[in-house]
Amino acid sequence: MDEPAHAWRAVTALADLPSDQPFEVAVGNTAVILVRWKDEITAFQGICPHAAARLGRGRITDGWLHCPQHKASFKLSDGTCGKGWRLPALRRYAAKLEDGMIYLSEPLREIDADG
């Protein structure tokens, strides 16, 4: 079975992406958050797996993304859920930086913990 073709779509300029704060974008009908932390840019699902809260309204502290609704936390390095919750890890999506722009694959391409 053939893999679907992926195109890259510019979603924001690097200059517009704040550090240590989730930034919400949409790819098709899917909410995605971009996180700029420790000189890395990561794209995660934008909806909390617990109660469908928009993670773009959350906050980042000490390497963790905190859901704005029930304060579940997710590790920025791999999206795994923190203590006190039994939630699946956040889905991570392929992203790239080129010429000052951040691109996401379209359709979104999920990546595993090993990249």
C-alpha atoms as a PDB file:
ATOM      1  CA  MET A   1       0.000   0.000   0.000  1.00  0.00           C
ATOM      2  CA  ASP A   2       1.418   3.395  -0.976  1.00  0.00           C
ATOM      3  CA  GLU A   3       2.014   6.135   1.574  1.00  0.00           C
ATOM      4  CA  PRO A   4      -0.093   9.267   0.978  1.00  0.00           C
ATOM      5  CA  ALA A   5       1.792  12.181  -0.526  1.00  0.00           C
ATOM      6  CA  HIS A   6       2.593  15.027   1.839  1.00  0.00           C
ATOM      7  CA  ALA A   7       2.986  18.654   0.963  1.00  0.00           C
ATOM      8  CA  TRP A   8       4.375  21.294   3.295  1.00  0.00           C
ATOM      9  CA  ARG A   9       2.236  24.281   4.186  1.00  0.00           C
ATOM     10  CA  ALA A  10       3.550  27.461   5.828  1.00  0.00           C
ATOM     11  CA  VAL A  11       1.572  28.121   9.015  1.00  0.00           C
ATOM     12  CA  THR A  12       3.444  31.011  10.654  1.00  0.00           C
ATOM     13  CA  ALA A  13       6.676  32.942  10.662  1.00  0.00           C
ATOM     14  CA  LEU A  14       9.240  31.975  13.287  1.00  0.00           C
ATOM     15  CA  ALA A  15       9.319  35.628  14.374  1.00  0.00           C
ATOM     16  CA  ASP A  16       5.612  35.388  15.277  1.00  0.00           C
ATOM     17  CA  LEU A  17       6.019  32.264  17.415  1.00  0.00           C
ATOM     18  CA  PRO A  18       6.488  33.210  21.073  1.00  0.00           C
ATOM     19  CA  SER A  19       8.873  31.265  23.286  1.00  0.00           C
ATOM     20  CA  ASP A  20       7.424  29.179  26.112  1.00  0.00           C
ATOM     21  CA  GLN A  21       3.815  29.735  25.073  1.00  0.00           C
ATOM     22  CA  PRO A  22       1.569  27.477  22.981  1.00  0.00           C
ATOM     23  CA  PHE A  23       0.564  28.939  19.612  1.00  0.00           C
ATOM     24  CA  GLU A  24      -2.530  27.562  17.920  1.00  0.00           C
ATOM     25  CA  VAL A  25      -2.847  27.066  14.164  1.00  0.00           C
ATOM     26  CA  ALA A  26      -5.264  25.046  12.046  1.00  0.00           C
ATOM     27  CA  VAL A  27      -4.442  22.518   9.357  1.00  0.00           C
ATOM     28  CA  GLY A  28      -7.675  21.726   7.612  1.00  0.00           C
ATOM     29  CA  ASN A  29     -10.155  21.072  10.418  1.00  0.00           C
ATOM     30  CA  THR A  30      -7.454  20.058  12.909  1.00  0.00           C
ATOM     31  CA  ALA A  31      -6.248  22.320  15.709  1.00  0.00           C
ATOM     32  CA  VAL A  32      -2.486  22.105  16.192  1.00  0.00           C
ATOM     33  CA  ILE A  33      -0.291  23.893  18.692  1.00  0.00           C
ATOM     34  CA  LEU A  34       3.258  24.926  17.979  1.00  0.00           C
ATOM     35  CA  VAL A  35       5.643  25.124  20.904  1.00  0.00           C
ATOM     36  CA  ARG A  36       8.999  26.899  20.840  1.00  0.00           C
ATOM     37  CA  TRP A  37      11.003  25.610  23.778  1.00  0.00           C
ATOM     38  CA  LYS A  38      14.766  25.191  24.225  1.00  0.00           C
ATOM     39  CA  ASP A  39      15.442  26.194  20.594  1.00  0.00           C
ATOM     40  CA  GLU A  40      13.150  23.400  19.369  1.00  0.00           C
ATOM     41  CA  ILE A  41       9.865  23.751  17.553  1.00  0.00           C
ATOM     42  CA  THR A  42       7.345  20.998  18.119  1.00  0.00           C
ATOM     43  CA  ALA A  43       3.822  20.561  16.790  1.00  0.00           C
ATOM     44  CA  PHE A  44       1.259  18.790  18.982  1.00  0.00           C
ATOM     45  CA  GLN A  45      -2.445  18.085  18.736  1.00  0.00           C
ATOM     46  CA  GLY A  46      -4.287  21.208  19.823  1.00  0.00           C
ATOM     47  CA  ILE A  47      -7.103  19.549  21.758  1.00  0.00           C
ATOM     48  CA  CYS A  48      -6.651  17.955  25.186  1.00  0.00           C
ATOM     49  CA  PRO A  49      -7.466  14.215  25.172  1.00  0.00           C
ATOM     50  CA  HIS A  50      -9.313  14.588  28.478  1.00  0.00           C
ATOM     51  CA  ALA A  51     -12.082  17.103  27.930  1.00  0.00           C
ATOM     52  CA  ALA A  52     -11.410  18.623  24.492  1.00  0.00           C
ATOM     53  CA  ALA A  53     -10.018  21.878  25.880  1.00  0.00           C
ATOM     54  CA  ARG A  54      -7.987  24.026  23.497  1.00  0.00           C
ATOM     55  CA  LEU A  55      -4.364  23.546  24.514  1.00  0.00           C
ATOM     56  CA  GLY A  56      -3.427  26.809  22.791  1.00  0.00           C
ATOM     57  CA  ARG A  57      -4.995  28.502  25.817  1.00  0.00           C
ATOM     58  CA  GLY A  58      -2.795  26.538  28.217  1.00  0.00           C
ATOM     59  CA  ARG A  59       0.509  27.552  29.741  1.00  0.00           C
ATOM     60  CA  ILE A  60       4.044  26.235  29.720  1.00  0.00           C
ATOM     61  CA  THR A  61       6.222  25.906  32.820  1.00  0.00           C
ATOM     62  CA  ASP A  62       9.420  23.960  33.432  1.00  0.00           C
ATOM     63  CA  GLY A  63       9.098  21.854  30.272  1.00  0.00           C
ATOM     64  CA  TRP A  64       5.419  21.006  30.704  1.00  0.00           C
ATOM     65  CA  LEU A  65       2.298  22.125  28.864  1.00  0.00           C
ATOM     66  CA  HIS A  66      -0.660  22.557  31.223  1.00  0.00           C
ATOM     67  CA  CYS A  67      -4.217  22.182  29.973  1.00  0.00           C
ATOM     68  CA  PRO A  68      -6.272  25.318  30.697  1.00  0.00           C
ATOM     69  CA  GLN A  69      -9.358  23.383  31.773  1.00  0.00           C
ATOM     70  CA  HIS A  70      -8.343  20.681  34.266  1.00  0.00           C
ATOM     71  CA  LYS A  71      -4.574  21.307  34.542  1.00  0.00           C
ATOM     72  CA  ALA A  72      -3.471  17.979  33.099  1.00  0.00           C
ATOM     73  CA  SER A  73       0.167  18.343  32.067  1.00  0.00           C
ATOM     74  CA  PHE A  74       2.125  17.032  29.106  1.00  0.00           C
ATOM     75  CA  LYS A  75       5.897  16.804  28.756  1.00  0.00           C
ATOM     76  CA  LEU A  76       7.163  19.033  25.943  1.00  0.00           C
ATOM     77  CA  SER A  77       9.915  16.626  24.966  1.00  0.00           C
ATOM     78  CA  ASP A  78       7.507  13.870  23.888  1.00  0.00           C
ATOM     79  CA  GLY A  79       3.910  14.762  24.811  1.00  0.00           C
ATOM     80  CA  THR A  80       3.544  12.163  27.563  1.00  0.00           C
ATOM     81  CA  CYS A  81       1.048  12.865  30.303  1.00  0.00           C
ATOM     82  CA  GLY A  82       2.259  13.877  33.752  1.00  0.00           C
ATOM     83  CA  LYS A  83       1.460  12.612  37.228  1.00  0.00           C
ATOM     84  CA  GLY A  84      -2.094  12.416  38.461  1.00  0.00           C
ATOM     85  CA  TRP A  85      -3.608  11.724  35.055  1.00  0.00           C
ATOM     86  CA  ARG A  86      -3.906   8.647  32.873  1.00  0.00           C
ATOM     87  CA  LEU A  87      -4.202  10.196  29.466  1.00  0.00           C
ATOM     88  CA  PRO A  88      -2.613   9.219  26.175  1.00  0.00           C
ATOM     89  CA  ALA A  89       0.416  11.166  25.035  1.00  0.00           C
ATOM     90  CA  LEU A  90      -0.297  14.092  22.772  1.00  0.00           C
ATOM     91  CA  ARG A  91       0.085  13.335  19.088  1.00  0.00           C
ATOM     92  CA  ARG A  92       3.126  15.026  17.565  1.00  0.00           C
ATOM     93  CA  TYR A  93       3.233  16.158  13.980  1.00  0.00           C
ATOM     94  CA  ALA A  94       6.026  16.653  11.488  1.00  0.00           C
ATOM     95  CA  ALA A  95       7.164  20.268  11.316  1.00  0.00           C
ATOM     96  CA  LYS A  96      10.076  22.017   9.676  1.00  0.00           C
ATOM     97  CA  LEU A  97      11.670  25.439   9.721  1.00  0.00           C
ATOM     98  CA  GLU A  98      12.807  26.902   6.431  1.00  0.00           C
ATOM     99  CA  ASP A  99      13.689  30.500   5.531  1.00  0.00           C
ATOM    100  CA  GLY A 100      12.135  31.843   8.739  1.00  0.00           C
ATOM    101  CA  MET A 101       8.817  30.076   8.205  1.00  0.00           C
ATOM    102  CA  ILE A 102       7.344  27.104  10.076  1.00  0.00           C
ATOM    103  CA  TYR A 103       5.766  24.428   7.912  1.00  0.00           C
ATOM    104  CA  LEU A 104       3.488  21.522   8.791  1.00  0.00           C
ATOM    105  CA  SER A 105       2.840  18.564   6.541  1.00  0.00           C
ATOM    106  CA  GLU A 106      -0.515  18.456   4.835  1.00  0.00           C
ATOM    107  CA  PRO A 107      -2.140  16.135   5.465  1.00  0.00           C
ATOM    108  CA  LEU A 108      -0.678  16.108   8.969  1.00  0.00           C
ATOM    109  CA  ARG A 109       1.932  13.410   9.453  1.00  0.00           C
ATOM    110  CA  GLU A 110       2.061  12.019  12.963  1.00  0.00           C
ATOM    111  CA  ILE A 111       5.514  11.203  14.319  1.00  0.00           C
ATOM    112  CA  ASP A 112       6.333   8.803  17.147  1.00  0.00           C
ATOM    113  CA  ALA A 113       8.503   9.448  20.192  1.00  0.00           C
ATOM    114  CA  ASP A 114      11.604   8.468  18.219  1.00  0.00           C
ATOM    115  CA  GLY A 115      10.920  11.084  15.551  1.00  0.00           C
END
